[in-house]
């Protein structure tokens, strides 16, 4: 991603899960972390697709762990965030915080209507 680029919603959530999980970050725990906080299923395929896109952009790197018998001899692919990835997380947070801070104050009726819409999604 070029300098000044911003992460999409799902990419940002995956990156935050990576940071939280640290050295134990691979597809299944990342998916579970997102499910726990989103309150809905997250497909493993969508997590790996996002990770592969971000790896191609230099935002994450992956390494293969040792093969394990419980995985039929397959190795886990572990991911970690790069300096550029962390920079983009911070930049995305800065922009979103700035945008949230510039929203107009809502009167109680408008706020109730918006809250009702958010509850439906």
PDB file of N, CA and C in Angstrom:
ATOM      1  N   UNK A   1       0.851  -1.169   0.000  1.00  0.00           N
ATOM      2  CA  UNK A   1       0.000   0.000   0.000  1.00  0.00           C
ATOM      3  C   UNK A   1       0.898   1.233   0.000  1.00  0.00           C
ATOM      4  N   UNK A   2       0.532   2.242  -0.725  1.00  0.00           N
ATOM      5  CA  UNK A   2       1.359   3.432  -0.808  1.00  0.00           C
ATOM      6  C   UNK A   2       1.269   4.234   0.479  1.00  0.00           C
ATOM      7  N   UNK A   3       2.277   5.073   0.696  1.00  0.00           N
ATOM      8  CA  UNK A   3       2.256   5.927   1.887  1.00  0.00           C
ATOM      9  C   UNK A   3       0.993   6.769   1.849  1.00  0.00           C
ATOM     10  N   UNK A   4       0.387   6.936   3.021  1.00  0.00           N
ATOM     11  CA  UNK A   4      -0.844   7.697   3.082  1.00  0.00           C
ATOM     12  C   UNK A   4      -2.065   6.836   2.823  1.00  0.00           C
ATOM     13  N   UNK A   5      -1.876   5.539   2.530  1.00  0.00           N
ATOM     14  CA  UNK A   5      -3.003   4.643   2.316  1.00  0.00           C
ATOM     15  C   UNK A   5      -3.683   4.333   3.631  1.00  0.00           C
ATOM     16  N   UNK A   6      -4.921   3.926   3.552  1.00  0.00           N
ATOM     17  CA  UNK A   6      -5.692   3.608   4.744  1.00  0.00           C
ATOM     18  C   UNK A   6      -6.186   2.183   4.658  1.00  0.00           C
ATOM     19  N   UNK A   7      -6.308   1.575   5.808  1.00  0.00           N
ATOM     20  CA  UNK A   7      -6.798   0.210   5.877  1.00  0.00           C
ATOM     21  C   UNK A   7      -8.316   0.196   5.810  1.00  0.00           C
ATOM     22  N   UNK A   8      -8.862  -0.809   5.138  1.00  0.00           N
ATOM     23  CA  UNK A   8     -10.302  -1.004   5.141  1.00  0.00           C
ATOM     24  C   UNK A   8     -10.736  -1.560   6.493  1.00  0.00           C
ATOM     25  N   UNK A   9     -12.037  -1.610   6.712  1.00  0.00           N
ATOM     26  CA  UNK A   9     -12.581  -2.057   8.004  1.00  0.00           C
ATOM     27  C   UNK A   9     -12.080  -3.449   8.388  1.00  0.00           C
ATOM     28  N   UNK A  10     -12.221  -4.413   7.490  1.00  0.00           N
ATOM     29  CA  UNK A  10     -11.842  -5.783   7.827  1.00  0.00           C
ATOM     30  C   UNK A  10     -10.326  -5.905   7.987  1.00  0.00           C
ATOM     31  N   UNK A  11      -9.566  -5.254   7.108  1.00  0.00           N
ATOM     32  CA  UNK A  11      -8.107  -5.280   7.228  1.00  0.00           C
ATOM     33  C   UNK A  11      -7.668  -4.713   8.569  1.00  0.00           C
ATOM     34  N   UNK A  12      -8.282  -3.615   8.997  1.00  0.00           N
ATOM     35  CA  UNK A  12      -7.942  -3.009  10.276  1.00  0.00           C
ATOM     36  C   UNK A  12      -8.231  -3.974  11.420  1.00  0.00           C
ATOM     37  N   UNK A  13      -9.372  -4.645  11.375  1.00  0.00           N
ATOM     38  CA  UNK A  13      -9.698  -5.598  12.432  1.00  0.00           C
ATOM     39  C   UNK A  13      -8.707  -6.756  12.459  1.00  0.00           C
ATOM     40  N   UNK A  14      -8.308  -7.247  11.301  1.00  0.00           N
ATOM     41  CA  UNK A  14      -7.319  -8.328  11.233  1.00  0.00           C
ATOM     42  C   UNK A  14      -5.994  -7.846  11.808  1.00  0.00           C
ATOM     43  N   UNK A  15      -5.576  -6.648  11.454  1.00  0.00           N
ATOM     44  CA  UNK A  15      -4.320  -6.106  11.973  1.00  0.00           C
ATOM     45  C   UNK A  15      -4.372  -5.960  13.493  1.00  0.00           C
ATOM     46  N   UNK A  16      -5.478  -5.487  14.022  1.00  0.00           N
ATOM     47  CA  UNK A  16      -5.602  -5.340  15.473  1.00  0.00           C
ATOM     48  C   UNK A  16      -5.566  -6.705  16.166  1.00  0.00           C
ATOM     49  N   UNK A  17      -6.187  -7.697  15.551  1.00  0.00           N
ATOM     50  CA  UNK A  17      -6.124  -9.058  16.100  1.00  0.00           C
ATOM     51  C   UNK A  17      -4.689  -9.572  16.077  1.00  0.00           C
ATOM     52  N   UNK A  18      -3.953  -9.296  15.013  1.00  0.00           N
ATOM     53  CA  UNK A  18      -2.543  -9.692  14.925  1.00  0.00           C
ATOM     54  C   UNK A  18      -1.736  -9.086  16.065  1.00  0.00           C
ATOM     55  N   UNK A  19      -1.937  -7.816  16.299  1.00  0.00           N
ATOM     56  CA  UNK A  19      -1.214  -7.128  17.366  1.00  0.00           C
ATOM     57  C   UNK A  19      -1.558  -7.757  18.713  1.00  0.00           C
ATOM     58  N   UNK A  20      -2.828  -7.992  18.933  1.00  0.00           N
ATOM     59  CA  UNK A  20      -3.285  -8.561  20.214  1.00  0.00           C
ATOM     60  C   UNK A  20      -2.748  -9.970  20.427  1.00  0.00           C
ATOM     61  N   UNK A  21      -2.747 -10.794  19.396  1.00  0.00           N
ATOM     62  CA  UNK A  21      -2.330 -12.195  19.527  1.00  0.00           C
ATOM     63  C   UNK A  21      -0.812 -12.364  19.572  1.00  0.00           C
ATOM     64  N   UNK A  22      -0.076 -11.429  19.038  1.00  0.00           N
ATOM     65  CA  UNK A  22       1.383 -11.502  19.074  1.00  0.00           C
ATOM     66  C   UNK A  22       1.912 -12.705  18.310  1.00  0.00           C
ATOM     67  N   UNK A  23       2.823 -13.448  18.938  1.00  0.00           N
ATOM     68  CA  UNK A  23       3.507 -14.564  18.269  1.00  0.00           C
ATOM     69  C   UNK A  23       2.596 -15.741  17.952  1.00  0.00           C
ATOM     70  N   UNK A  24       1.410 -15.772  18.493  1.00  0.00           N
ATOM     71  CA  UNK A  24       0.487 -16.894  18.268  1.00  0.00           C
ATOM     72  C   UNK A  24      -0.527 -16.604  17.169  1.00  0.00           C
ATOM     73  N   UNK A  25      -0.251 -15.624  16.327  1.00  0.00           N
ATOM     74  CA  UNK A  25      -1.212 -15.188  15.314  1.00  0.00           C
ATOM     75  C   UNK A  25      -1.145 -16.050  14.052  1.00  0.00           C
ATOM     76  N   UNK A  26      -2.144 -16.878  13.891  1.00  0.00           N
ATOM     77  CA  UNK A  26      -2.353 -17.596  12.623  1.00  0.00           C
ATOM     78  C   UNK A  26      -3.845 -17.622  12.378  1.00  0.00           C
ATOM     79  N   UNK A  27      -4.279 -18.171  11.272  1.00  0.00           N
ATOM     80  CA  UNK A  27      -5.659 -18.037  10.810  1.00  0.00           C
ATOM     81  C   UNK A  27      -6.750 -18.311  11.823  1.00  0.00           C
ATOM     82  N   UNK A  28      -6.704 -19.461  12.484  1.00  0.00           N
ATOM     83  CA  UNK A  28      -7.798 -19.846  13.389  1.00  0.00           C
ATOM     84  C   UNK A  28      -7.931 -18.883  14.577  1.00  0.00           C
ATOM     85  N   UNK A  29      -6.863 -18.597  15.324  1.00  0.00           N
ATOM     86  CA  UNK A  29      -7.028 -17.647  16.438  1.00  0.00           C
ATOM     87  C   UNK A  29      -7.443 -16.248  15.985  1.00  0.00           C
ATOM     88  N   UNK A  30      -6.959 -15.823  14.816  1.00  0.00           N
ATOM     89  CA  UNK A  30      -7.370 -14.515  14.303  1.00  0.00           C
ATOM     90  C   UNK A  30      -8.867 -14.523  14.031  1.00  0.00           C
ATOM     91  N   UNK A  31      -9.350 -15.560  13.379  1.00  0.00           N
ATOM     92  CA  UNK A  31     -10.776 -15.693  13.084  1.00  0.00           C
ATOM     93  C   UNK A  31     -11.601 -15.700  14.370  1.00  0.00           C
ATOM     94  N   UNK A  32     -11.155 -16.452  15.363  1.00  0.00           N
ATOM     95  CA  UNK A  32     -11.883 -16.525  16.655  1.00  0.00           C
ATOM     96  C   UNK A  32     -11.886 -15.181  17.370  1.00  0.00           C
ATOM     97  N   UNK A  33     -10.763 -14.489  17.322  1.00  0.00           N
ATOM     98  CA  UNK A  33     -10.668 -13.164  17.942  1.00  0.00           C
ATOM     99  C   UNK A  33     -11.677 -12.210  17.304  1.00  0.00           C
ATOM    100  N   UNK A  34     -11.760 -12.220  15.987  1.00  0.00           N
ATOM    101  CA  UNK A  34     -12.710 -11.349  15.293  1.00  0.00           C
ATOM    102  C   UNK A  34     -14.144 -11.740  15.608  1.00  0.00           C
ATOM    103  N   UNK A  35     -14.430 -13.028  15.624  1.00  0.00           N
ATOM    104  CA  UNK A  35     -15.780 -13.496  15.957  1.00  0.00           C
ATOM    105  C   UNK A  35     -16.188 -13.047  17.352  1.00  0.00           C
ATOM    106  N   UNK A  36     -15.270 -13.138  18.297  1.00  0.00           N
ATOM    107  CA  UNK A  36     -15.573 -12.759  19.683  1.00  0.00           C
ATOM    108  C   UNK A  36     -15.939 -11.283  19.797  1.00  0.00           C
ATOM    109  N   UNK A  37     -15.293 -10.453  19.016  1.00  0.00           N
ATOM    110  CA  UNK A  37     -15.535  -9.016  19.127  1.00  0.00           C
ATOM    111  C   UNK A  37     -16.603  -8.508  18.172  1.00  0.00           C
ATOM    112  N   UNK A  38     -16.802  -9.196  17.067  1.00  0.00           N
ATOM    113  CA  UNK A  38     -17.833  -8.784  16.104  1.00  0.00           C
ATOM    114  C   UNK A  38     -19.189  -9.366  16.449  1.00  0.00           C
ATOM    115  N   UNK A  39     -19.176 -10.495  17.171  1.00  0.00           N
ATOM    116  CA  UNK A  39     -20.435 -11.131  17.521  1.00  0.00           C
ATOM    117  C   UNK A  39     -21.079 -11.883  16.373  1.00  0.00           C
ATOM    118  N   UNK A  40     -20.282 -12.252  15.384  1.00  0.00           N
ATOM    119  CA  UNK A  40     -20.796 -13.037  14.263  1.00  0.00           C
ATOM    120  C   UNK A  40     -19.657 -13.844  13.654  1.00  0.00           C
ATOM    121  N   UNK A  41     -20.021 -14.829  12.850  1.00  0.00           N
ATOM    122  CA  UNK A  41     -19.023 -15.711  12.245  1.00  0.00           C
ATOM    123  C   UNK A  41     -18.105 -14.951  11.305  1.00  0.00           C
ATOM    124  N   UNK A  42     -16.854 -15.373  11.284  1.00  0.00           N
ATOM    125  CA  UNK A  42     -15.860 -14.835  10.366  1.00  0.00           C
ATOM    126  C   UNK A  42     -15.237 -16.030   9.665  1.00  0.00           C
ATOM    127  N   UNK A  43     -15.336 -16.070   8.357  1.00  0.00           N
ATOM    128  CA  UNK A  43     -14.803 -17.231   7.635  1.00  0.00           C
ATOM    129  C   UNK A  43     -13.279 -17.202   7.625  1.00  0.00           C
ATOM    130  N   UNK A  44     -12.713 -18.372   7.792  1.00  0.00           N
ATOM    131  CA  UNK A  44     -11.267 -18.523   7.761  1.00  0.00           C
ATOM    132  C   UNK A  44     -10.718 -18.086   6.401  1.00  0.00           C
ATOM    133  N   UNK A  45     -11.459 -18.371   5.341  1.00  0.00           N
ATOM    134  CA  UNK A  45     -11.034 -17.974   3.999  1.00  0.00           C
ATOM    135  C   UNK A  45     -10.900 -16.467   3.861  1.00  0.00           C
ATOM    136  N   UNK A  46     -11.834 -15.708   4.459  1.00  0.00           N
ATOM    137  CA  UNK A  46     -11.746 -14.248   4.355  1.00  0.00           C
ATOM    138  C   UNK A  46     -10.564 -13.715   5.150  1.00  0.00           C
ATOM    139  N   UNK A  47     -10.245 -14.363   6.275  1.00  0.00           N
ATOM    140  CA  UNK A  47      -9.083 -13.950   7.062  1.00  0.00           C
ATOM    141  C   UNK A  47      -7.806 -14.183   6.256  1.00  0.00           C
ATOM    142  N   UNK A  48      -7.661 -15.392   5.679  1.00  0.00           N
ATOM    143  CA  UNK A  48      -6.460 -15.687   4.898  1.00  0.00           C
ATOM    144  C   UNK A  48      -6.361 -14.817   3.648  1.00  0.00           C
ATOM    145  N   UNK A  49      -7.480 -14.518   3.016  1.00  0.00           N
ATOM    146  CA  UNK A  49      -7.454 -13.639   1.837  1.00  0.00           C
ATOM    147  C   UNK A  49      -6.945 -12.249   2.224  1.00  0.00           C
ATOM    148  N   UNK A  50      -7.429 -11.722   3.350  1.00  0.00           N
ATOM    149  CA  UNK A  50      -6.976 -10.409   3.816  1.00  0.00           C
ATOM    150  C   UNK A  50      -5.489 -10.451   4.176  1.00  0.00           C
ATOM    151  N   UNK A  51      -5.070 -11.507   4.865  1.00  0.00           N
ATOM    152  CA  UNK A  51      -3.662 -11.633   5.239  1.00  0.00           C
ATOM    153  C   UNK A  51      -2.761 -11.703   4.012  1.00  0.00           C
ATOM    154  N   UNK A  52      -3.179 -12.442   3.002  1.00  0.00           N
ATOM    155  CA  UNK A  52      -2.375 -12.550   1.781  1.00  0.00           C
ATOM    156  C   UNK A  52      -2.289 -11.208   1.044  1.00  0.00           C
ATOM    157  N   UNK A  53      -3.415 -10.468   0.990  1.00  0.00           N
ATOM    158  CA  UNK A  53      -3.399  -9.130   0.373  1.00  0.00           C
ATOM    159  C   UNK A  53      -2.435  -8.215   1.129  1.00  0.00           C
ATOM    160  N   UNK A  54      -2.528  -8.256   2.457  1.00  0.00           N
ATOM    161  CA  UNK A  54      -1.683  -7.378   3.261  1.00  0.00           C
ATOM    162  C   UNK A  54      -0.217  -7.795   3.204  1.00  0.00           C
ATOM    163  N   UNK A  55       0.042  -9.087   3.062  1.00  0.00           N
ATOM    164  CA  UNK A  55       1.425  -9.536   2.917  1.00  0.00           C
ATOM    165  C   UNK A  55       2.005  -9.036   1.589  1.00  0.00           C
ATOM    166  N   UNK A  56       1.211  -9.083   0.539  1.00  0.00           N
ATOM    167  CA  UNK A  56       1.662  -8.588  -0.766  1.00  0.00           C
ATOM    168  C   UNK A  56       1.958  -7.084  -0.717  1.00  0.00           C
ATOM    169  N   UNK A  57       1.281  -6.369   0.164  1.00  0.00           N
ATOM    170  CA  UNK A  57       1.484  -4.923   0.313  1.00  0.00           C
ATOM    171  C   UNK A  57       2.589  -4.590   1.312  1.00  0.00           C
ATOM    172  N   UNK A  58       3.167  -5.619   1.943  1.00  0.00           N
ATOM    173  CA  UNK A  58       4.238  -5.386   2.905  1.00  0.00           C
ATOM    174  C   UNK A  58       3.773  -4.970   4.285  1.00  0.00           C
ATOM    175  N   UNK A  59       2.504  -5.204   4.590  1.00  0.00           N
ATOM    176  CA  UNK A  59       1.958  -4.807   5.891  1.00  0.00           C
ATOM    177  C   UNK A  59       2.101  -5.903   6.941  1.00  0.00           C
ATOM    178  N   UNK A  60       2.206  -7.141   6.500  1.00  0.00           N
ATOM    179  CA  UNK A  60       2.436  -8.286   7.385  1.00  0.00           C
ATOM    180  C   UNK A  60       3.454  -9.203   6.718  1.00  0.00           C
ATOM    181  N   UNK A  61       4.091 -10.042   7.526  1.00  0.00           N
ATOM    182  CA  UNK A  61       4.970 -11.085   7.008  1.00  0.00           C
ATOM    183  C   UNK A  61       4.537 -12.393   7.655  1.00  0.00           C
ATOM    184  N   UNK A  62       4.840 -13.492   6.972  1.00  0.00           N
ATOM    185  CA  UNK A  62       4.464 -14.794   7.516  1.00  0.00           C
ATOM    186  C   UNK A  62       5.678 -15.712   7.579  1.00  0.00           C
ATOM    187  N   UNK A  63       5.608 -16.656   8.505  1.00  0.00           N
ATOM    188  CA  UNK A  63       6.618 -17.697   8.634  1.00  0.00           C
ATOM    189  C   UNK A  63       5.891 -19.008   8.894  1.00  0.00           C
ATOM    190  N   UNK A  64       6.513 -20.097   8.489  1.00  0.00           N
ATOM    191  CA  UNK A  64       5.932 -21.412   8.745  1.00  0.00           C
ATOM    192  C   UNK A  64       6.497 -21.971  10.043  1.00  0.00           C
ATOM    193  N   UNK A  65       5.595 -22.475  10.887  1.00  0.00           N
ATOM    194  CA  UNK A  65       6.011 -23.142  12.112  1.00  0.00           C
ATOM    195  C   UNK A  65       6.401 -24.576  11.799  1.00  0.00           C
ATOM    196  N   UNK A  66       6.666 -25.330  12.836  1.00  0.00           N
ATOM    197  CA  UNK A  66       7.010 -26.740  12.667  1.00  0.00           C
ATOM    198  C   UNK A  66       5.760 -27.554  12.357  1.00  0.00           C
ATOM    199  N   UNK A  67       5.891 -28.588  11.544  1.00  0.00           N
ATOM    200  CA  UNK A  67       4.756 -29.485  11.289  1.00  0.00           C
ATOM    201  C   UNK A  67       4.326 -30.159  12.594  1.00  0.00           C
ATOM    202  N   UNK A  68       3.028 -30.367  12.740  1.00  0.00           N
ATOM    203  CA  UNK A  68       2.523 -31.007  13.957  1.00  0.00           C
ATOM    204  C   UNK A  68       1.682 -32.223  13.589  1.00  0.00           C
ATOM    205  N   UNK A  69       1.768 -33.292  14.414  1.00  0.00           N
ATOM    206  CA  UNK A  69       0.989 -34.502  14.138  1.00  0.00           C
ATOM    207  C   UNK A  69      -0.519 -34.248  14.120  1.00  0.00           C
ATOM    208  N   UNK A  70      -1.009 -33.372  15.023  1.00  0.00           N
ATOM    209  CA  UNK A  70      -2.452 -33.127  15.084  1.00  0.00           C
ATOM    210  C   UNK A  70      -2.971 -32.410  13.837  1.00  0.00           C
ATOM    211  N   UNK A  71      -2.092 -31.861  13.046  1.00  0.00           N
ATOM    212  CA  UNK A  71      -2.488 -31.218  11.787  1.00  0.00           C
ATOM    213  C   UNK A  71      -2.106 -32.084  10.594  1.00  0.00           C
ATOM    214  N   UNK A  72      -1.877 -33.346  10.842  1.00  0.00           N
ATOM    215  CA  UNK A  72      -1.516 -34.258   9.757  1.00  0.00           C
ATOM    216  C   UNK A  72      -0.156 -33.950   9.152  1.00  0.00           C
ATOM    217  N   UNK A  73       0.741 -33.421   9.977  1.00  0.00           N
ATOM    218  CA  UNK A  73       2.080 -33.100   9.498  1.00  0.00           C
ATOM    219  C   UNK A  73       2.194 -31.739   8.835  1.00  0.00           C
ATOM    220  N   UNK A  74       1.091 -30.989   8.787  1.00  0.00           N
ATOM    221  CA  UNK A  74       1.128 -29.655   8.173  1.00  0.00           C
ATOM    222  C   UNK A  74       1.625 -28.619   9.185  1.00  0.00           C
ATOM    223  N   UNK A  75       2.329 -27.629   8.683  1.00  0.00           N
ATOM    224  CA  UNK A  75       2.834 -26.544   9.522  1.00  0.00           C
ATOM    225  C   UNK A  75       1.825 -25.401   9.563  1.00  0.00           C
ATOM    226  N   UNK A  76       1.789 -24.694  10.693  1.00  0.00           N
ATOM    227  CA  UNK A  76       0.960 -23.487  10.801  1.00  0.00           C
ATOM    228  C   UNK A  76       1.719 -22.331  10.169  1.00  0.00           C
ATOM    229  N   UNK A  77       0.971 -21.435   9.563  1.00  0.00           N
ATOM    230  CA  UNK A  77       1.553 -20.228   8.972  1.00  0.00           C
ATOM    231  C   UNK A  77       1.265 -19.065   9.917  1.00  0.00           C
ATOM    232  N   UNK A  78       2.313 -18.579  10.565  1.00  0.00           N
ATOM    233  CA  UNK A  78       2.186 -17.502  11.541  1.00  0.00           C
ATOM    234  C   UNK A  78       2.409 -16.148  10.861  1.00  0.00           C
ATOM    235  N   UNK A  79       1.667 -15.140  11.328  1.00  0.00           N
ATOM    236  CA  UNK A  79       1.754 -13.798  10.755  1.00  0.00           C
ATOM    237  C   UNK A  79       2.143 -12.801  11.833  1.00  0.00           C
ATOM    238  N   UNK A  80       2.869 -11.786  11.397  1.00  0.00           N
ATOM    239  CA  UNK A  80       3.158 -10.662  12.284  1.00  0.00           C
ATOM    240  C   UNK A  80       3.124  -9.373  11.468  1.00  0.00           C
ATOM    241  N   UNK A  81       2.843  -8.304  12.144  1.00  0.00           N
ATOM    242  CA  UNK A  81       2.709  -7.001  11.499  1.00  0.00           C
ATOM    243  C   UNK A  81       4.109  -6.410  11.272  1.00  0.00           C
ATOM    244  N   UNK A  82       4.266  -5.675  10.177  1.00  0.00           N
ATOM    245  CA  UNK A  82       5.532  -4.996   9.883  1.00  0.00           C
ATOM    246  C   UNK A  82       5.472  -3.560  10.404  1.00  0.00           C
ATOM    247  N   UNK A  83       6.598  -2.872  10.346  1.00  0.00           N
ATOM    248  CA  UNK A  83       6.616  -1.455  10.748  1.00  0.00           C
ATOM    249  C   UNK A  83       5.655  -0.645   9.890  1.00  0.00           C
ATOM    250  N   UNK A  84       5.627  -0.936   8.580  1.00  0.00           N
ATOM    251  CA  UNK A  84       4.700  -0.220   7.689  1.00  0.00           C
ATOM    252  C   UNK A  84       3.251  -0.548   8.042  1.00  0.00           C
ATOM    253  N   UNK A  85       2.991  -1.794   8.376  1.00  0.00           N
ATOM    254  CA  UNK A  85       1.642  -2.176   8.791  1.00  0.00           C
ATOM    255  C   UNK A  85       1.212  -1.433  10.041  1.00  0.00           C
ATOM    256  N   UNK A  86       2.104  -1.354  11.013  1.00  0.00           N
ATOM    257  CA  UNK A  86       1.800  -0.642  12.258  1.00  0.00           C
ATOM    258  C   UNK A  86       1.604   0.842  11.991  1.00  0.00           C
ATOM    259  N   UNK A  87       2.406   1.401  11.088  1.00  0.00           N
ATOM    260  CA  UNK A  87       2.240   2.807  10.730  1.00  0.00           C
ATOM    261  C   UNK A  87       0.856   3.051  10.135  1.00  0.00           C
ATOM    262  N   UNK A  88       0.412   2.129   9.279  1.00  0.00           N
ATOM    263  CA  UNK A  88      -0.902   2.302   8.657  1.00  0.00           C
ATOM    264  C   UNK A  88      -2.036   2.109   9.663  1.00  0.00           C
ATOM    265  N   UNK A  89      -1.860   1.231  10.641  1.00  0.00           N
ATOM    266  CA  UNK A  89      -2.868   1.097  11.705  1.00  0.00           C
ATOM    267  C   UNK A  89      -3.006   2.430  12.437  1.00  0.00           C
ATOM    268  N   UNK A  90      -1.872   3.021  12.805  1.00  0.00           N
ATOM    269  CA  UNK A  90      -1.910   4.305  13.525  1.00  0.00           C
ATOM    270  C   UNK A  90      -2.500   5.413  12.664  1.00  0.00           C
ATOM    271  N   UNK A  91      -2.143   5.437  11.382  1.00  0.00           N
ATOM    272  CA  UNK A  91      -2.665   6.465  10.488  1.00  0.00           C
ATOM    273  C   UNK A  91      -4.176   6.314  10.295  1.00  0.00           C
ATOM    274  N   UNK A  92      -4.638   5.091  10.147  1.00  0.00           N
ATOM    275  CA  UNK A  92      -6.075   4.846   9.998  1.00  0.00           C
ATOM    276  C   UNK A  92      -6.815   5.275  11.264  1.00  0.00           C
ATOM    277  N   UNK A  93      -6.249   4.949  12.414  1.00  0.00           N
ATOM    278  CA  UNK A  93      -6.866   5.367  13.684  1.00  0.00           C
ATOM    279  C   UNK A  93      -6.927   6.888  13.771  1.00  0.00           C
ATOM    280  N   UNK A  94      -5.836   7.553  13.400  1.00  0.00           N
ATOM    281  CA  UNK A  94      -5.802   9.014  13.468  1.00  0.00           C
ATOM    282  C   UNK A  94      -6.898   9.632  12.605  1.00  0.00           C
ATOM    283  N   UNK A  95      -7.023   9.141  11.385  1.00  0.00           N
ATOM    284  CA  UNK A  95      -8.025   9.692  10.463  1.00  0.00           C
ATOM    285  C   UNK A  95      -9.438   9.418  10.971  1.00  0.00           C
ATOM    286  N   UNK A  96      -9.693   8.183  11.421  1.00  0.00           N
ATOM    287  CA  UNK A  96     -11.036   7.863  11.915  1.00  0.00           C
ATOM    288  C   UNK A  96     -11.388   8.687  13.152  1.00  0.00           C
ATOM    289  N   UNK A  97     -10.432   8.858  14.059  1.00  0.00           N
ATOM    290  CA  UNK A  97     -10.672   9.659  15.267  1.00  0.00           C
ATOM    291  C   UNK A  97     -10.973  11.104  14.889  1.00  0.00           C
ATOM    292  N   UNK A  98     -10.233  11.615  13.932  1.00  0.00           N
ATOM    293  CA  UNK A  98     -10.467  12.987  13.471  1.00  0.00           C
ATOM    294  C   UNK A  98     -11.864  13.124  12.855  1.00  0.00           C
ATOM    295  N   UNK A  99     -12.236  12.165  12.028  1.00  0.00           N
ATOM    296  CA  UNK A  99     -13.574  12.207  11.411  1.00  0.00           C
ATOM    297  C   UNK A  99     -14.674  12.102  12.462  1.00  0.00           C
ATOM    298  N   UNK A 100     -14.523  11.187  13.416  1.00  0.00           N
ATOM    299  CA  UNK A 100     -15.521  11.056  14.485  1.00  0.00           C
ATOM    300  C   UNK A 100     -15.634  12.358  15.272  1.00  0.00           C
ATOM    301  N   UNK A 101     -14.495  12.993  15.527  1.00  0.00           N
ATOM    302  CA  UNK A 101     -14.496  14.238  16.304  1.00  0.00           C
ATOM    303  C   UNK A 101     -15.163  15.394  15.589  1.00  0.00           C
ATOM    304  N   UNK A 102     -15.274  15.325  14.291  1.00  0.00           N
ATOM    305  CA  UNK A 102     -15.874  16.422  13.513  1.00  0.00           C
ATOM    306  C   UNK A 102     -17.353  16.205  13.217  1.00  0.00           C
ATOM    307  N   UNK A 103     -17.900  15.096  13.719  1.00  0.00           N
ATOM    308  CA  UNK A 103     -19.333  14.879  13.516  1.00  0.00           C
ATOM    309  C   UNK A 103     -20.121  15.910  14.312  1.00  0.00           C
ATOM    310  N   UNK A 104     -21.231  16.385  13.756  1.00  0.00           N
ATOM    311  CA  UNK A 104     -22.044  17.351  14.503  1.00  0.00           C
ATOM    312  C   UNK A 104     -22.698  16.673  15.706  1.00  0.00           C
ATOM    313  N   UNK A 105     -22.962  17.470  16.722  1.00  0.00           N
ATOM    314  CA  UNK A 105     -23.677  16.964  17.894  1.00  0.00           C
ATOM    315  C   UNK A 105     -25.109  16.659  17.466  1.00  0.00           C
ATOM    316  N   UNK A 106     -25.614  15.544  17.932  1.00  0.00           N
ATOM    317  CA  UNK A 106     -26.966  15.136  17.563  1.00  0.00           C
ATOM    318  C   UNK A 106     -27.935  15.443  18.691  1.00  0.00           C
ATOM    319  N   UNK A 107     -29.143  15.846  18.306  1.00  0.00           N
ATOM    320  CA  UNK A 107     -30.157  16.019  19.337  1.00  0.00           C
ATOM    321  C   UNK A 107     -30.653  14.624  19.737  1.00  0.00           C
ATOM    322  N   UNK A 108     -31.304  14.475  20.873  1.00  0.00           N
ATOM    323  CA  UNK A 108     -31.709  13.149  21.363  1.00  0.00           C
ATOM    324  C   UNK A 108     -32.569  12.351  20.383  1.00  0.00           C
ATOM    325  N   UNK A 109     -33.454  13.001  19.634  1.00  0.00           N
ATOM    326  CA  UNK A 109     -34.315  12.283  18.681  1.00  0.00           C
ATOM    327  C   UNK A 109     -33.481  11.686  17.551  1.00  0.00           C
ATOM    328  N   UNK A 110     -32.534  12.460  17.028  1.00  0.00           N
ATOM    329  CA  UNK A 110     -31.662  11.958  15.962  1.00  0.00           C
ATOM    330  C   UNK A 110     -30.797  10.811  16.474  1.00  0.00           C
ATOM    331  N   UNK A 111     -30.272  10.962  17.679  1.00  0.00           N
ATOM    332  CA  UNK A 111     -29.420   9.925  18.261  1.00  0.00           C
ATOM    333  C   UNK A 111     -30.203   8.622  18.430  1.00  0.00           C
ATOM    334  N   UNK A 112     -31.442   8.700  18.873  1.00  0.00           N
ATOM    335  CA  UNK A 112     -32.272   7.502  19.046  1.00  0.00           C
ATOM    336  C   UNK A 112     -32.521   6.821  17.706  1.00  0.00           C
ATOM    337  N   UNK A 113     -32.742   7.609  16.663  1.00  0.00           N
ATOM    338  CA  UNK A 113     -32.971   7.044  15.337  1.00  0.00           C
ATOM    339  C   UNK A 113     -31.707   6.344  14.825  1.00  0.00           C
ATOM    340  N   UNK A 114     -30.555   6.963  15.001  1.00  0.00           N
ATOM    341  CA  UNK A 114     -29.291   6.350  14.568  1.00  0.00           C
ATOM    342  C   UNK A 114     -29.015   5.088  15.375  1.00  0.00           C
ATOM    343  N   UNK A 115     -29.235   5.141  16.695  1.00  0.00           N
ATOM    344  CA  UNK A 115     -29.024   3.958  17.526  1.00  0.00           C
ATOM    345  C   UNK A 115     -29.915   2.811  17.083  1.00  0.00           C
ATOM    346  N   UNK A 116     -31.137   3.115  16.693  1.00  0.00           N
ATOM    347  CA  UNK A 116     -32.058   2.075  16.228  1.00  0.00           C
ATOM    348  C   UNK A 116     -31.539   1.424  14.951  1.00  0.00           C
ATOM    349  N   UNK A 117     -30.992   2.215  14.042  1.00  0.00           N
ATOM    350  CA  UNK A 117     -30.445   1.683  12.795  1.00  0.00           C
ATOM    351  C   UNK A 117     -29.242   0.799  13.098  1.00  0.00           C
ATOM    352  N   UNK A 118     -28.346   1.223  13.998  1.00  0.00           N
ATOM    353  CA  UNK A 118     -27.163   0.421  14.338  1.00  0.00           C
ATOM    354  C   UNK A 118     -27.549  -0.880  14.979  1.00  0.00           C
ATOM    355  N   UNK A 119     -28.635  -0.901  15.756  1.00  0.00           N
ATOM    356  CA  UNK A 119     -29.069  -2.125  16.413  1.00  0.00           C
ATOM    357  C   UNK A 119     -29.591  -3.141  15.386  1.00  0.00           C
ATOM    358  N   UNK A 120     -30.077  -2.671  14.251  1.00  0.00           N
ATOM    359  CA  UNK A 120     -30.616  -3.558  13.229  1.00  0.00           C
ATOM    360  C   UNK A 120     -29.525  -4.210  12.391  1.00  0.00           C
ATOM    361  N   UNK A 121     -28.323  -3.607  12.374  1.00  0.00           N
ATOM    362  CA  UNK A 121     -27.275  -4.166  11.516  1.00  0.00           C
ATOM    363  C   UNK A 121     -26.493  -5.258  12.195  1.00  0.00           C
TER     364      UNK A 121
END
